């Protein structure tokens, strides 16, 4: 079988504060995205972490900023082509 793949960035959002219960839970945010794409004919395939190396610019390095690695969760969907 041949598959077509697509990726969607996922970053959960929560409201801060000790007593805060506002905002959707992480699992409901994730399920919402998955269900949206399943409804459009895509099959949920996996969740991966992409490592992003960010090289500090010239001006920022003068002020002591260092290169950094950021992490981004990516949902992978597929469907038969």
C-alpha atoms as a PDB file:
ATOM      1  CA  UNK A   1       0.000   0.000   0.000  1.00  0.00           C
ATOM      2  CA  UNK A   2       1.089   3.538  -0.701  1.00  0.00           C
ATOM      3  CA  UNK A   3       0.343   6.258   1.811  1.00  0.00           C
ATOM      4  CA  UNK A   4       0.271  10.024   1.752  1.00  0.00           C
ATOM      5  CA  UNK A   5       1.479  11.608   5.004  1.00  0.00           C
ATOM      6  CA  UNK A   6       0.985  14.962   6.661  1.00  0.00           C
ATOM      7  CA  UNK A   7       2.197  16.462   9.914  1.00  0.00           C
ATOM      8  CA  UNK A   8       0.546  18.891  12.310  1.00  0.00           C
ATOM      9  CA  UNK A   9       2.418  20.765  15.034  1.00  0.00           C
ATOM     10  CA  UNK A  10       0.955  20.248  18.494  1.00  0.00           C
ATOM     11  CA  UNK A  11       1.535  22.519  21.443  1.00  0.00           C
ATOM     12  CA  UNK A  12      -0.821  22.083  24.376  1.00  0.00           C
ATOM     13  CA  UNK A  13      -2.032  25.218  26.113  1.00  0.00           C
ATOM     14  CA  UNK A  14      -2.938  25.450  29.785  1.00  0.00           C
ATOM     15  CA  UNK A  15      -3.876  28.421  31.917  1.00  0.00           C
ATOM     16  CA  UNK A  16      -1.471  29.127  34.759  1.00  0.00           C
ATOM     17  CA  UNK A  17      -2.280  29.610  38.415  1.00  0.00           C
ATOM     18  CA  UNK A  18      -2.602  27.332  41.378  1.00  0.00           C
ATOM     19  CA  UNK A  19      -6.400  27.333  41.463  1.00  0.00           C
ATOM     20  CA  UNK A  20      -6.985  27.669  37.736  1.00  0.00           C
ATOM     21  CA  UNK A  21      -9.070  24.934  36.137  1.00  0.00           C
ATOM     22  CA  UNK A  22      -9.910  26.925  33.007  1.00  0.00           C
ATOM     23  CA  UNK A  23      -8.873  25.727  29.577  1.00  0.00           C
ATOM     24  CA  UNK A  24      -9.141  22.345  27.973  1.00  0.00           C
ATOM     25  CA  UNK A  25      -6.993  19.538  29.311  1.00  0.00           C
ATOM     26  CA  UNK A  26      -4.058  18.379  27.221  1.00  0.00           C
ATOM     27  CA  UNK A  27      -5.723  15.100  26.289  1.00  0.00           C
ATOM     28  CA  UNK A  28      -8.904  16.818  25.103  1.00  0.00           C
ATOM     29  CA  UNK A  29      -6.856  19.261  22.976  1.00  0.00           C
ATOM     30  CA  UNK A  30      -4.991  16.344  21.441  1.00  0.00           C
ATOM     31  CA  UNK A  31      -8.151  14.314  20.834  1.00  0.00           C
ATOM     32  CA  UNK A  32      -9.834  17.317  19.222  1.00  0.00           C
ATOM     33  CA  UNK A  33      -7.052  17.632  16.639  1.00  0.00           C
ATOM     34  CA  UNK A  34      -6.958  13.881  15.999  1.00  0.00           C
ATOM     35  CA  UNK A  35     -10.747  13.649  15.591  1.00  0.00           C
ATOM     36  CA  UNK A  36     -10.784  16.649  13.248  1.00  0.00           C
ATOM     37  CA  UNK A  37      -8.326  14.993  10.868  1.00  0.00           C
ATOM     38  CA  UNK A  38      -9.856  11.523  11.186  1.00  0.00           C
ATOM     39  CA  UNK A  39     -13.142  13.120  10.123  1.00  0.00           C
ATOM     40  CA  UNK A  40     -11.413  14.313   6.959  1.00  0.00           C
ATOM     41  CA  UNK A  41     -10.248  10.827   5.998  1.00  0.00           C
ATOM     42  CA  UNK A  42      -6.820  10.765   7.670  1.00  0.00           C
ATOM     43  CA  UNK A  43      -5.606   7.991   9.956  1.00  0.00           C
ATOM     44  CA  UNK A  44      -3.665   8.964  13.079  1.00  0.00           C
ATOM     45  CA  UNK A  45      -0.238   7.352  12.698  1.00  0.00           C
ATOM     46  CA  UNK A  46       2.065   8.636  15.466  1.00  0.00           C
ATOM     47  CA  UNK A  47       3.296  11.508  17.586  1.00  0.00           C
ATOM     48  CA  UNK A  48       6.937  12.463  17.151  1.00  0.00           C
ATOM     49  CA  UNK A  49       9.275  15.011  18.699  1.00  0.00           C
ATOM     50  CA  UNK A  50      11.255  17.222  16.335  1.00  0.00           C
ATOM     51  CA  UNK A  51      14.515  18.711  17.630  1.00  0.00           C
ATOM     52  CA  UNK A  52      15.136  22.232  16.345  1.00  0.00           C
ATOM     53  CA  UNK A  53      18.648  23.647  16.649  1.00  0.00           C
ATOM     54  CA  UNK A  54      18.478  27.458  16.878  1.00  0.00           C
ATOM     55  CA  UNK A  55      21.773  29.182  16.211  1.00  0.00           C
ATOM     56  CA  UNK A  56      22.142  32.489  18.011  1.00  0.00           C
ATOM     57  CA  UNK A  57      22.396  35.574  15.824  1.00  0.00           C
ATOM     58  CA  UNK A  58      25.320  37.954  15.879  1.00  0.00           C
ATOM     59  CA  UNK A  59      23.736  40.661  18.048  1.00  0.00           C
ATOM     60  CA  UNK A  60      22.203  38.194  20.542  1.00  0.00           C
ATOM     61  CA  UNK A  61      25.545  36.432  20.993  1.00  0.00           C
ATOM     62  CA  UNK A  62      27.157  39.741  21.979  1.00  0.00           C
ATOM     63  CA  UNK A  63      24.707  39.898  24.879  1.00  0.00           C
ATOM     64  CA  UNK A  64      25.524  36.363  25.986  1.00  0.00           C
ATOM     65  CA  UNK A  65      22.721  34.397  24.424  1.00  0.00           C
ATOM     66  CA  UNK A  66      23.690  30.824  23.560  1.00  0.00           C
ATOM     67  CA  UNK A  67      22.546  28.453  20.843  1.00  0.00           C
ATOM     68  CA  UNK A  68      19.621  26.341  21.968  1.00  0.00           C
ATOM     69  CA  UNK A  69      17.630  23.269  21.096  1.00  0.00           C
ATOM     70  CA  UNK A  70      13.845  23.550  21.002  1.00  0.00           C
ATOM     71  CA  UNK A  71      11.451  20.626  20.906  1.00  0.00           C
ATOM     72  CA  UNK A  72       8.188  20.496  18.972  1.00  0.00           C
ATOM     73  CA  UNK A  73       5.591  17.728  19.139  1.00  0.00           C
ATOM     74  CA  UNK A  74       4.296  16.730  15.726  1.00  0.00           C
ATOM     75  CA  UNK A  75       1.259  14.573  14.983  1.00  0.00           C
ATOM     76  CA  UNK A  76       1.643  12.346  11.933  1.00  0.00           C
ATOM     77  CA  UNK A  77      -1.405  11.349   9.893  1.00  0.00           C
ATOM     78  CA  UNK A  78      -1.652   9.168   6.821  1.00  0.00           C
ATOM     79  CA  UNK A  79      -4.158   8.027   4.240  1.00  0.00           C
ATOM     80  CA  UNK A  80      -4.014   5.664   1.324  1.00  0.00           C
ATOM     81  CA  UNK A  81      -3.114   7.357  -1.917  1.00  0.00           C
END
